[in-house]
C-alpha atoms as a PDB file:
ATOM      1  CA  MET A   1       5.851 173.878  87.785  1.00  0.00           C
ATOM      2  CA  GLN A   2       6.395 176.872  85.602  1.00  0.00           C
ATOM      3  CA  ASN A   3       9.448 175.242  84.029  1.00  0.00           C
ATOM      4  CA  VAL A   4       8.724 171.549  83.802  1.00  0.00           C
ATOM      5  CA  GLN A   5      11.933 169.515  83.569  1.00  0.00           C
ATOM      6  CA  LEU A   6      11.562 166.526  81.276  1.00  0.00           C
ATOM      7  CA  PHE A   7      14.225 164.186  79.945  1.00  0.00           C
ATOM      8  CA  ASP A   8      15.288 163.470  76.385  1.00  0.00           C
ATOM      9  CA  ASN A   9      13.463 160.148  76.407  1.00  0.00           C
ATOM     10  CA  THR A  10      10.038 158.691  75.647  1.00  0.00           C
ATOM     11  CA  ILE A  11       6.820 159.941  77.174  1.00  0.00           C
ATOM     12  CA  GLU A  12       6.493 156.616  78.992  1.00  0.00           C
ATOM     13  CA  GLU A  13       9.941 156.892  80.586  1.00  0.00           C
ATOM     14  CA  ASN A  14       9.343 160.511  81.560  1.00  0.00           C
ATOM     15  CA  ILE A  15       6.122 159.589  83.369  1.00  0.00           C
ATOM     16  CA  ARG A  16       7.832 156.575  84.965  1.00  0.00           C
ATOM     17  CA  VAL A  17      10.060 159.051  86.855  1.00  0.00           C
ATOM     18  CA  GLY A  18       7.130 159.285  89.282  1.00  0.00           C
ATOM     19  CA  LYS A  19       7.489 155.649  90.331  1.00  0.00           C
ATOM     20  CA  LYS A  20      10.497 153.512  89.548  1.00  0.00           C
ATOM     21  CA  GLY A  21       9.384 150.228  88.026  1.00  0.00           C
ATOM     22  CA  ALA A  22       5.845 151.421  87.266  1.00  0.00           C
ATOM     23  CA  THR A  23       3.942 149.210  84.848  1.00  0.00           C
ATOM     24  CA  LYS A  24       2.626 150.448  81.521  1.00  0.00           C
ATOM     25  CA  GLU A  25      -0.908 150.159  82.945  1.00  0.00           C
ATOM     26  CA  GLU A  26       0.003 152.409  85.900  1.00  0.00           C
ATOM     27  CA  ILE A  27       1.542 154.945  83.527  1.00  0.00           C
ATOM     28  CA  ILE A  28      -1.553 154.957  81.302  1.00  0.00           C
ATOM     29  CA  LYS A  29      -3.825 155.346  84.344  1.00  0.00           C
ATOM     30  CA  ALA A  30      -1.763 158.339  85.541  1.00  0.00           C
ATOM     31  CA  ALA A  31      -1.819 159.873  82.054  1.00  0.00           C
ATOM     32  CA  LYS A  32      -5.601 159.493  81.848  1.00  0.00           C
ATOM     33  CA  LYS A  33      -6.023 161.215  85.212  1.00  0.00           C
ATOM     34  CA  ALA A  34      -3.706 163.996  84.013  1.00  0.00           C
ATOM     35  CA  ARG A  35      -5.885 164.462  80.907  1.00  0.00           C
ATOM     36  CA  ILE A  36      -2.925 163.792  78.576  1.00  0.00           C
ATOM     37  CA  HIS A  37      -3.623 160.196  77.450  1.00  0.00           C
ATOM     38  CA  ASP A  38      -5.727 161.130  74.402  1.00  0.00           C
ATOM     39  CA  PHE A  39      -3.028 163.480  73.154  1.00  0.00           C
ATOM     40  CA  ILE A  40      -0.349 160.822  73.687  1.00  0.00           C
ATOM     41  CA  MET A  41      -2.400 158.282  71.730  1.00  0.00           C
ATOM     42  CA  SER A  42      -2.672 160.750  68.828  1.00  0.00           C
ATOM     43  CA  LEU A  43       1.111 160.658  68.377  1.00  0.00           C
ATOM     44  CA  PRO A  44       2.531 158.175  65.827  1.00  0.00           C
ATOM     45  CA  LYS A  45       4.466 156.261  68.502  1.00  0.00           C
ATOM     46  CA  ALA A  46       2.087 157.051  71.397  1.00  0.00           C
ATOM     47  CA  TYR A  47       3.866 156.436  74.715  1.00  0.00           C
ATOM     48  CA  GLU A  48       7.060 155.466  72.860  1.00  0.00           C
ATOM     49  CA  THR A  49       7.381 158.961  71.363  1.00  0.00           C
ATOM     50  CA  ASP A  50      10.724 160.590  72.155  1.00  0.00           C
ATOM     51  CA  ILE A  51       9.929 164.099  73.370  1.00  0.00           C
ATOM     52  CA  GLY A  52      13.394 165.615  72.987  1.00  0.00           C
ATOM     53  CA  GLU A  53      15.362 167.682  75.456  1.00  0.00           C
ATOM     54  CA  ASN A  54      13.061 169.264  78.070  1.00  0.00           C
ATOM     55  CA  GLY A  55      10.042 167.957  76.152  1.00  0.00           C
ATOM     56  CA  GLY A  56      10.859 170.197  73.205  1.00  0.00           C
ATOM     57  CA  ILE A  57       8.219 168.685  70.906  1.00  0.00           C
ATOM     58  CA  LEU A  58       5.457 169.420  73.450  1.00  0.00           C
ATOM     59  CA  SER A  59       3.588 172.630  74.187  1.00  0.00           C
ATOM     60  CA  GLY A  60       3.833 174.184  77.644  1.00  0.00           C
ATOM     61  CA  GLY A  61       0.411 172.828  78.591  1.00  0.00           C
ATOM     62  CA  GLN A  62       1.286 169.335  77.401  1.00  0.00           C
ATOM     63  CA  ARG A  63       4.489 169.415  79.466  1.00  0.00           C
ATOM     64  CA  GLN A  64       2.454 170.532  82.482  1.00  0.00           C
ATOM     65  CA  ARG A  65       0.051 167.616  82.028  1.00  0.00           C
ATOM     66  CA  ILE A  66       2.979 165.172  81.730  1.00  0.00           C
ATOM     67  CA  SER A  67       4.258 166.570  85.044  1.00  0.00           C
ATOM     68  CA  ILE A  68       0.802 166.051  86.560  1.00  0.00           C
ATOM     69  CA  ALA A  69       0.872 162.429  85.337  1.00  0.00           C
ATOM     70  CA  ILE A  70       4.223 162.051  87.127  1.00  0.00           C
ATOM     71  CA  ALA A  71       2.630 163.439  90.302  1.00  0.00           C
ATOM     72  CA  PHE A  72      -0.330 161.032  90.019  1.00  0.00           C
ATOM     73  CA  LEU A  73       2.084 158.129  89.649  1.00  0.00           C
ATOM     74  CA  LYS A  74       4.200 159.283  92.599  1.00  0.00           C
ATOM     75  CA  ASP A  75       1.077 159.573  94.779  1.00  0.00           C
ATOM     76  CA  ALA A  76       2.784 161.836  97.331  1.00  0.00           C
ATOM     77  CA  PRO A  77       0.669 162.972 100.309  1.00  0.00           C
ATOM     78  CA  ILE A  78       1.889 166.578  99.957  1.00  0.00           C
ATOM     79  CA  LEU A  79       2.174 168.562  96.717  1.00  0.00           C
ATOM     80  CA  ILE A  80       3.575 172.001  95.995  1.00  0.00           C
ATOM     81  CA  LEU A  81       2.316 173.480  92.731  1.00  0.00           C
ATOM     82  CA  ASP A  82       3.787 176.702  91.388  1.00  0.00           C
ATOM     83  CA  GLU A  83       1.811 178.568  88.734  1.00  0.00           C
ATOM     84  CA  MET A  84       0.476 175.455  87.011  1.00  0.00           C
ATOM     85  CA  THR A  85      -1.549 177.396  84.470  1.00  0.00           C
ATOM     86  CA  SER A  86       0.796 180.242  83.636  1.00  0.00           C
ATOM     87  CA  ASN A  87       1.586 180.591  79.953  1.00  0.00           C
ATOM     88  CA  VAL A  88      -0.842 177.943  78.679  1.00  0.00           C
ATOM     89  CA  ASP A  89      -3.701 178.239  76.215  1.00  0.00           C
ATOM     90  CA  PRO A  90      -7.336 178.106  77.452  1.00  0.00           C
ATOM     91  CA  VAL A  91      -7.858 174.466  76.377  1.00  0.00           C
ATOM     92  CA  ASN A  92      -4.788 173.267  78.268  1.00  0.00           C
ATOM     93  CA  GLU A  93      -5.691 175.503  81.227  1.00  0.00           C
ATOM     94  CA  SER A  94      -9.082 173.810  81.531  1.00  0.00           C
ATOM     95  CA  LEU A  95      -7.556 170.323  81.266  1.00  0.00           C
ATOM     96  CA  ILE A  96      -4.882 171.225  83.823  1.00  0.00           C
ATOM     97  CA  GLN A  97      -7.510 172.623  86.219  1.00  0.00           C
ATOM     98  CA  ASP A  98      -9.560 169.423  85.969  1.00  0.00           C
ATOM     99  CA  ALA A  99      -6.470 167.286  86.549  1.00  0.00           C
ATOM    100  CA  ILE A 100      -5.344 169.385  89.535  1.00  0.00           C
ATOM    101  CA  THR A 101      -8.804 169.106  91.088  1.00  0.00           C
ATOM    102  CA  GLU A 102      -8.549 165.319  90.905  1.00  0.00           C
ATOM    103  CA  LEU A 103      -4.901 165.301  91.994  1.00  0.00           C
ATOM    104  CA  ALA A 104      -5.695 167.391  95.083  1.00  0.00           C
ATOM    105  CA  LYS A 105      -8.211 164.900  96.489  1.00  0.00           C
ATOM    106  CA  ASN A 106      -7.099 163.474  99.858  1.00  0.00           C
ATOM    107  CA  ARG A 107      -3.795 165.370  99.852  1.00  0.00           C
ATOM    108  CA  THR A 108      -2.321 168.515 101.252  1.00  0.00           C
ATOM    109  CA  VAL A 109      -1.641 170.880  98.369  1.00  0.00           C
ATOM    110  CA  LEU A 110       0.154 174.207  98.514  1.00  0.00           C
ATOM    111  CA  VAL A 111      -0.533 176.219  95.360  1.00  0.00           C
ATOM    112  CA  VAL A 112       1.353 179.361  94.426  1.00  0.00           C
ATOM    113  CA  ALA A 113      -0.907 181.252  92.046  1.00  0.00           C
ATOM    114  CA  HIS A 114      -1.390 184.604  90.424  1.00  0.00           C
ATOM    115  CA  HIS A 115      -4.279 183.346  88.280  1.00  0.00           C
ATOM    116  CA  LEU A 116      -6.975 183.235  90.956  1.00  0.00           C
ATOM    117  CA  LYS A 117      -9.170 180.721  89.110  1.00  0.00           C
ATOM    118  CA  THR A 118      -6.423 178.197  89.905  1.00  0.00           C
ATOM    119  CA  ILE A 119      -7.250 178.418  93.619  1.00  0.00           C
ATOM    120  CA  GLN A 120     -10.966 179.178  93.467  1.00  0.00           C
ATOM    121  CA  LYS A 121     -11.947 175.759  94.910  1.00  0.00           C
ATOM    122  CA  ALA A 122      -9.253 175.664  97.618  1.00  0.00           C
ATOM    123  CA  ASP A 123     -10.223 174.856 101.208  1.00  0.00           C
ATOM    124  CA  GLN A 124      -8.120 177.779 102.443  1.00  0.00           C
ATOM    125  CA  ILE A 125      -6.686 180.718 100.509  1.00  0.00           C
ATOM    126  CA  LEU A 126      -3.945 182.866 102.004  1.00  0.00           C
ATOM    127  CA  VAL A 127      -3.525 186.283 100.388  1.00  0.00           C
ATOM    128  CA  PHE A 128      -0.085 187.851 100.647  1.00  0.00           C
ATOM    129  CA  GLN A 129       1.235 191.207  99.557  1.00  0.00           C
ATOM    130  CA  LYS A 130       4.945 191.991  99.877  1.00  0.00           C
ATOM    131  CA  GLY A 131       5.391 189.072 102.284  1.00  0.00           C
ATOM    132  CA  ASN A 132       2.555 190.078 104.601  1.00  0.00           C
ATOM    133  CA  LEU A 133      -0.563 187.964 105.137  1.00  0.00           C
ATOM    134  CA  LEU A 134      -3.528 190.201 104.379  1.00  0.00           C
ATOM    135  CA  GLU A 135      -6.499 187.827 104.269  1.00  0.00           C
ATOM    136  CA  LYS A 136      -7.422 184.177 104.541  1.00  0.00           C
ATOM    137  CA  GLY A 137     -10.545 182.163 103.865  1.00  0.00           C
ATOM    138  CA  LYS A 138     -12.449 180.411 101.111  1.00  0.00           C
ATOM    139  CA  HIS A 139     -13.019 182.088  97.753  1.00  0.00           C
ATOM    140  CA  GLY A 140     -16.576 183.203  98.538  1.00  0.00           C
ATOM    141  CA  GLU A 141     -15.635 184.412 102.020  1.00  0.00           C
ATOM    142  CA  LEU A 142     -12.804 186.493 100.627  1.00  0.00           C
ATOM    143  CA  LEU A 143     -15.045 188.038  97.978  1.00  0.00           C
ATOM    144  CA  ASP A 144     -17.599 188.885 100.692  1.00  0.00           C
ATOM    145  CA  LYS A 145     -14.885 190.741 102.662  1.00  0.00           C
ATOM    146  CA  ASN A 146     -14.464 193.071  99.682  1.00  0.00           C
ATOM    147  CA  GLY A 147     -10.761 193.429 100.463  1.00  0.00           C
ATOM    148  CA  TYR A 148      -7.542 192.932  98.567  1.00  0.00           C
ATOM    149  CA  TYR A 149      -8.536 189.501  97.187  1.00  0.00           C
ATOM    150  CA  THR A 150     -11.736 191.002  95.765  1.00  0.00           C
ATOM    151  CA  LYS A 151      -9.687 193.781  94.174  1.00  0.00           C
ATOM    152  CA  LEU A 152      -7.392 191.196  92.556  1.00  0.00           C
ATOM    153  CA  TRP A 153     -10.343 189.065  91.407  1.00  0.00           C
ATOM    154  CA  LYS A 154     -12.085 192.040  89.793  1.00  0.00           C
ATOM    155  CA  ALA A 155      -8.863 193.135  88.099  1.00  0.00           C
ATOM    156  CA  GLN A 156      -8.443 189.673  86.559  1.00  0.00           C
ATOM    157  CA  TYR A 157     -12.017 188.683  85.780  1.00  0.00           C
ATOM    158  CA  GLY A 158     -14.108 191.847  85.919  1.00  0.00           C
ATOM    159  CA  GLY A 159     -17.179 192.408  87.981  1.00  0.00           C
END
C-alpha cells in the first residue's frame, strides 16, 4: 500500500469501493476502525469531502488510513500489506499500527515490511535476504537467536 490509489470523488465513495452498496453506517464503522473518522469529521464536508485525484488533499498517512477503512469494509479473509507505514509521520504511523492490529484479527495477513515495528506482533516472521530465507519465528525468538533479524532491529532501533 505504498501508493494508495484513490478516486477523484468523496471520502465516502472512496471507502465504499470496499463493498458495493455499503450503507453510510457501515462506512463510518470502517472509518472508525481505521482511525480516520475523527479526521474526516474535522473536514467542512466530512464524508462528502471531495479528495481530488489520488486523494491529493490528503497526507500519505491519511490516504493509508482510508485504504485501511476500505479493507475493513471489504472484510476479506486474506490481506497483503506492503510497507503500510513507509513515508508517514509518527502520529499517522501509530494510528496505522493500531488499525492494522485490529484489521489483522481472525485473518491471514502477509506483510511486506522494512520497518520492523510493523511486524513486531506477527505470529510468524520470515526474514529474507536476496531472496533467501534466513530465519523465521516470533519477534522475541528472532531477537534471542541474535542473527540477521537482531542485526536489522539494532540498526533501526538501537540496543
